Amino acid sequence: MNADHVDAMILLAGLHAGIEATEATMTSVDRLGFSLRLKTTTGVKGARINFLREVATPQDTRAVLVEMVRQAKAQG
């Protein structure tokens, strides 16, 4: 995620955490969601974003993240 999907993380941070970021790094992930370190124009902030549903495998995690990004883009 951190190497290839920064734009997606920034999009999710804006939609789910209400934080407009210029940079984003995923710092942790678990079965319920993930945490981001966000660089904003006013400094560094953290955010926790819940998944749409609980995940059990890396494949589940990827599928839910893809779904979340698609939904965010559709709301765009």
Protein backbone atom coordinates (compact mmCIF):
# COMPACT_ATOMS: atom_id res chain seq x y z
CA MET A 1 0.00 0.00 0.00
CA ASN A 2 2.65 2.50 1.00
CA ALA A 3 4.66 2.15 -2.19
CA ASP A 4 1.91 2.04 -4.78
CA HIS A 5 -1.35 3.34 -3.35
CA VAL A 6 -0.71 6.64 -1.58
CA ASP A 7 -3.49 8.36 -3.55
CA ALA A 8 -5.98 5.72 -2.40
CA MET A 9 -4.98 6.18 1.24
CA ILE A 10 -5.31 9.97 0.91
CA LEU A 11 -8.76 9.49 -0.61
CA LEU A 12 -9.87 7.18 2.21
CA ALA A 13 -8.47 9.54 4.85
CA GLY A 14 -10.51 12.40 3.43
CA LEU A 15 -13.73 10.42 3.22
CA HIS A 16 -13.57 8.32 6.38
CA ALA A 17 -11.55 10.52 8.74
CA GLY A 18 -12.28 13.98 7.36
CA ILE A 19 -8.58 14.74 7.04
CA GLU A 20 -7.22 16.36 3.88
CA ALA A 21 -3.71 14.96 3.55
CA THR A 22 -0.86 15.55 1.14
CA GLU A 23 0.96 12.33 2.11
CA ALA A 24 -0.17 9.09 3.75
CA THR A 25 1.51 6.04 5.22
CA MET A 26 -0.30 2.94 6.48
CA THR A 27 1.25 2.19 9.86
CA SER A 28 -0.77 -0.83 10.94
CA VAL A 29 -3.57 -3.12 9.82
CA ASP A 30 -5.69 -5.65 11.67
CA ARG A 31 -8.90 -7.59 11.12
CA LEU A 32 -11.09 -4.54 11.78
CA GLY A 33 -9.26 -1.72 10.02
CA PHE A 34 -6.03 0.20 9.60
CA SER A 35 -4.13 3.21 10.89
CA LEU A 36 -2.63 5.98 8.82
CA ARG A 37 0.04 8.61 9.44
CA LEU A 38 -1.01 11.65 7.47
CA LYS A 39 0.91 14.75 6.49
CA THR A 40 -1.37 17.78 6.20
CA THR A 41 -0.83 21.48 5.65
CA THR A 42 -1.14 21.94 9.43
CA GLY A 43 1.17 19.11 10.50
CA VAL A 44 1.20 15.36 10.98
CA LYS A 45 -1.97 13.59 12.11
CA GLY A 46 -3.04 10.03 12.73
CA ALA A 47 -6.27 8.35 11.73
CA ARG A 48 -7.91 4.99 12.29
CA ILE A 49 -10.21 3.76 9.52
CA ASN A 50 -12.51 0.78 9.99
CA PHE A 51 -12.99 -1.78 7.25
CA LEU A 52 -16.49 -2.27 5.85
CA ARG A 53 -16.45 -5.73 7.43
CA GLU A 54 -14.05 -7.91 9.38
CA VAL A 55 -11.26 -9.51 7.35
CA ALA A 56 -9.48 -12.80 7.98
CA THR A 57 -6.83 -13.09 5.27
CA PRO A 58 -4.58 -10.83 3.22
CA GLN A 59 -6.85 -11.55 0.24
CA ASP A 60 -9.90 -10.40 2.24
CA THR A 61 -8.01 -7.26 3.24
CA ARG A 62 -7.15 -6.43 -0.36
CA ALA A 63 -10.72 -7.05 -1.52
CA VAL A 64 -12.19 -4.79 1.16
CA LEU A 65 -9.67 -2.03 0.47
CA VAL A 66 -10.43 -2.18 -3.26
CA GLU A 67 -14.15 -1.99 -2.49
CA MET A 68 -13.64 0.98 -0.17
CA VAL A 69 -11.60 2.88 -2.77
CA ARG A 70 -14.18 2.18 -5.48
CA GLN A 71 -16.95 3.47 -3.22
CA ALA A 72 -14.91 6.56 -2.36
CA LYS A 73 -14.26 7.32 -6.02
CA ALA A 74 -17.95 6.86 -6.83
CA GLN A 75 -18.84 9.41 -4.14
CA GLY A 76 -16.14 11.64 -5.56
